[in-house]
Amino acid sequence: DILEAHDAIDHIEREIQQRTEHRQPLYAKRRYENDEKIKEELTREIDRQTASLRQLRKERALCKRIEQQVPGIQQNLREFEENKSQNQKEVIRHEYQRRNR
């Protein structure tokens, strides 16, 4: 459903925003930190946050592609159902004609 895809995108975008806001101060802390061990830990945390953000952005892109494809899929499903119904009518008509020969 297109609404579900849109809700998923909204949720992912909020998560991206939160994680970006969490990561930003880490850069400043690392820049002004003198202790190399603490700098390394901050770098590892920034890297974890960046990897997490990268994954969320991939998920968002996937959700957007799905959202764009939903109308076409719905149209294909409607056409399939129409064709199926028409084919069933033809089968019934042919069966009726066969029996009445």
C-alpha atoms as a PDB file:
ATOM      1  CA  ASP A   1       0.000   0.000   0.000  1.00  0.00           C
ATOM      2  CA  ILE A   2       1.289   3.445  -0.902  1.00  0.00           C
ATOM      3  CA  LEU A   3       0.443   4.859   2.555  1.00  0.00           C
ATOM      4  CA  GLU A   4       2.541   2.179   4.256  1.00  0.00           C
ATOM      5  CA  ALA A   5       5.505   3.000   2.030  1.00  0.00           C
ATOM      6  CA  HIS A   6       5.060   6.713   2.743  1.00  0.00           C
ATOM      7  CA  ASP A   7       4.865   6.051   6.512  1.00  0.00           C
ATOM      8  CA  ALA A   8       8.034   3.957   6.316  1.00  0.00           C
ATOM      9  CA  ILE A   9       9.821   6.768   4.477  1.00  0.00           C
ATOM     10  CA  ASP A  10       8.713   9.295   7.110  1.00  0.00           C
ATOM     11  CA  HIS A  11       9.909   7.023   9.923  1.00  0.00           C
ATOM     12  CA  ILE A  12      13.293   6.470   8.239  1.00  0.00           C
ATOM     13  CA  GLU A  13      13.737  10.190   7.588  1.00  0.00           C
ATOM     14  CA  ARG A  14      13.062  10.980  11.255  1.00  0.00           C
ATOM     15  CA  GLU A  15      15.596   8.326  12.254  1.00  0.00           C
ATOM     16  CA  ILE A  16      18.164   9.777   9.844  1.00  0.00           C
ATOM     17  CA  GLN A  17      17.592  13.246  11.295  1.00  0.00           C
ATOM     18  CA  GLN A  18      18.012  12.010  14.874  1.00  0.00           C
ATOM     19  CA  ARG A  19      21.175  10.065  14.125  1.00  0.00           C
ATOM     20  CA  THR A  20      22.642  12.961  12.163  1.00  0.00           C
ATOM     21  CA  GLU A  21      21.979  15.287  15.098  1.00  0.00           C
ATOM     22  CA  HIS A  22      23.592  12.745  17.428  1.00  0.00           C
ATOM     23  CA  ARG A  23      26.678  12.428  15.210  1.00  0.00           C
ATOM     24  CA  GLN A  24      27.291  16.148  14.646  1.00  0.00           C
ATOM     25  CA  PRO A  25      28.624  16.999  18.137  1.00  0.00           C
ATOM     26  CA  LEU A  26      30.996  14.038  17.941  1.00  0.00           C
ATOM     27  CA  TYR A  27      32.902  15.792  15.161  1.00  0.00           C
ATOM     28  CA  ALA A  28      33.369  18.897  17.341  1.00  0.00           C
ATOM     29  CA  LYS A  29      34.434  16.816  20.353  1.00  0.00           C
ATOM     30  CA  ARG A  30      36.968  14.951  18.226  1.00  0.00           C
ATOM     31  CA  ARG A  31      38.326  18.165  16.708  1.00  0.00           C
ATOM     32  CA  TYR A  32      39.078  19.717  20.113  1.00  0.00           C
ATOM     33  CA  GLU A  33      40.131  16.553  21.947  1.00  0.00           C
ATOM     34  CA  ASN A  34      43.815  16.233  22.824  1.00  0.00           C
ATOM     35  CA  ASP A  35      43.780  12.646  24.103  1.00  0.00           C
ATOM     36  CA  GLU A  36      44.458  10.307  21.165  1.00  0.00           C
ATOM     37  CA  LYS A  37      42.602   7.375  22.772  1.00  0.00           C
ATOM     38  CA  ILE A  38      39.473   9.453  23.179  1.00  0.00           C
ATOM     39  CA  LYS A  39      39.870  10.736  19.604  1.00  0.00           C
ATOM     40  CA  GLU A  40      40.064   7.145  18.356  1.00  0.00           C
ATOM     41  CA  GLU A  41      36.935   6.200  20.281  1.00  0.00           C
ATOM     42  CA  LEU A  42      35.107   9.234  18.902  1.00  0.00           C
ATOM     43  CA  THR A  43      36.227   8.262  15.395  1.00  0.00           C
ATOM     44  CA  ARG A  44      34.908   4.726  15.891  1.00  0.00           C
ATOM     45  CA  GLU A  45      31.571   6.098  17.114  1.00  0.00           C
ATOM     46  CA  ILE A  46      31.372   8.505  14.161  1.00  0.00           C
ATOM     47  CA  ASP A  47      32.111   5.583  11.837  1.00  0.00           C
ATOM     48  CA  ARG A  48      29.345   3.490  13.466  1.00  0.00           C
ATOM     49  CA  GLN A  49      26.891   6.347  13.113  1.00  0.00           C
ATOM     50  CA  THR A  50      27.925   6.914   9.494  1.00  0.00           C
ATOM     51  CA  ALA A  51      27.459   3.218   8.648  1.00  0.00           C
ATOM     52  CA  SER A  52      24.058   3.281  10.302  1.00  0.00           C
ATOM     53  CA  LEU A  53      23.079   6.391   8.349  1.00  0.00           C
ATOM     54  CA  ARG A  54      24.278   4.823   5.111  1.00  0.00           C
ATOM     55  CA  GLN A  55      22.028   1.795   5.726  1.00  0.00           C
ATOM     56  CA  LEU A  56      19.048   3.994   6.581  1.00  0.00           C
ATOM     57  CA  ARG A  57      19.547   6.001   3.396  1.00  0.00           C
ATOM     58  CA  LYS A  58      19.579   2.783   1.362  1.00  0.00           C
ATOM     59  CA  GLU A  59      16.349   1.707   3.033  1.00  0.00           C
ATOM     60  CA  ARG A  60      14.808   5.108   2.300  1.00  0.00           C
ATOM     61  CA  ALA A  61      15.795   4.841  -1.372  1.00  0.00           C
ATOM     62  CA  LEU A  62      14.285   1.357  -1.553  1.00  0.00           C
ATOM     63  CA  CYS A  63      11.044   2.552   0.049  1.00  0.00           C
ATOM     64  CA  LYS A  64      10.856   5.441  -2.402  1.00  0.00           C
ATOM     65  CA  ARG A  65      11.290   3.075  -5.347  1.00  0.00           C
ATOM     66  CA  ILE A  66       8.555   0.831  -3.954  1.00  0.00           C
ATOM     67  CA  GLU A  67       6.295   3.850  -3.413  1.00  0.00           C
ATOM     68  CA  GLN A  68       6.806   4.865  -7.046  1.00  0.00           C
ATOM     69  CA  GLN A  69       6.021   1.344  -8.283  1.00  0.00           C
ATOM     70  CA  VAL A  70       2.817   0.828  -6.291  1.00  0.00           C
ATOM     71  CA  PRO A  71       0.471   2.631  -8.745  1.00  0.00           C
ATOM     72  CA  GLY A  72       1.785   0.581 -11.680  1.00  0.00           C
ATOM     73  CA  ILE A  73       1.451  -2.653  -9.733  1.00  0.00           C
ATOM     74  CA  GLN A  74      -2.096  -1.750  -8.727  1.00  0.00           C
ATOM     75  CA  GLN A  75      -2.941  -1.018 -12.379  1.00  0.00           C
ATOM     76  CA  ASN A  76      -1.429  -4.340 -13.478  1.00  0.00           C
ATOM     77  CA  LEU A  77      -3.447  -6.147 -10.813  1.00  0.00           C
ATOM     78  CA  ARG A  78      -6.680  -4.470 -11.970  1.00  0.00           C
ATOM     79  CA  GLU A  79      -5.946  -5.421 -15.581  1.00  0.00           C
ATOM     80  CA  PHE A  80      -5.157  -8.988 -14.551  1.00  0.00           C
ATOM     81  CA  GLU A  81      -8.417  -9.282 -12.630  1.00  0.00           C
ATOM     82  CA  GLU A  82     -10.360  -7.862 -15.583  1.00  0.00           C
ATOM     83  CA  ASN A  83      -8.698 -10.298 -17.991  1.00  0.00           C
ATOM     84  CA  LYS A  84      -9.271 -13.183 -15.605  1.00  0.00           C
ATOM     85  CA  SER A  85     -12.953 -12.331 -15.348  1.00  0.00           C
ATOM     86  CA  GLN A  86     -13.246 -11.983 -19.127  1.00  0.00           C
ATOM     87  CA  ASN A  87     -11.443 -15.314 -19.674  1.00  0.00           C
ATOM     88  CA  GLN A  88     -13.771 -17.067 -17.226  1.00  0.00           C
ATOM     89  CA  LYS A  89     -16.785 -15.706 -19.098  1.00  0.00           C
ATOM     90  CA  GLU A  90     -15.335 -16.960 -22.396  1.00  0.00           C
ATOM     91  CA  VAL A  91     -14.686 -20.413 -20.936  1.00  0.00           C
ATOM     92  CA  ILE A  92     -18.268 -20.604 -19.666  1.00  0.00           C
ATOM     93  CA  ARG A  93     -19.616 -19.413 -23.030  1.00  0.00           C
ATOM     94  CA  HIS A  94     -17.510 -21.972 -24.944  1.00  0.00           C
ATOM     95  CA  GLU A  95     -18.572 -24.741 -22.571  1.00  0.00           C
ATOM     96  CA  TYR A  96     -22.213 -23.771 -23.039  1.00  0.00           C
ATOM     97  CA  GLN A  97     -21.792 -23.760 -26.828  1.00  0.00           C
ATOM     98  CA  ARG A  98     -20.044 -27.135 -26.774  1.00  0.00           C
ATOM     99  CA  ARG A  99     -22.823 -28.746 -24.739  1.00  0.00           C
ATOM    100  CA  ASN A 100     -25.573 -27.347 -26.961  1.00  0.00           C
ATOM    101  CA  ARG A 101     -24.260 -28.633 -30.296  1.00  0.00           C
END
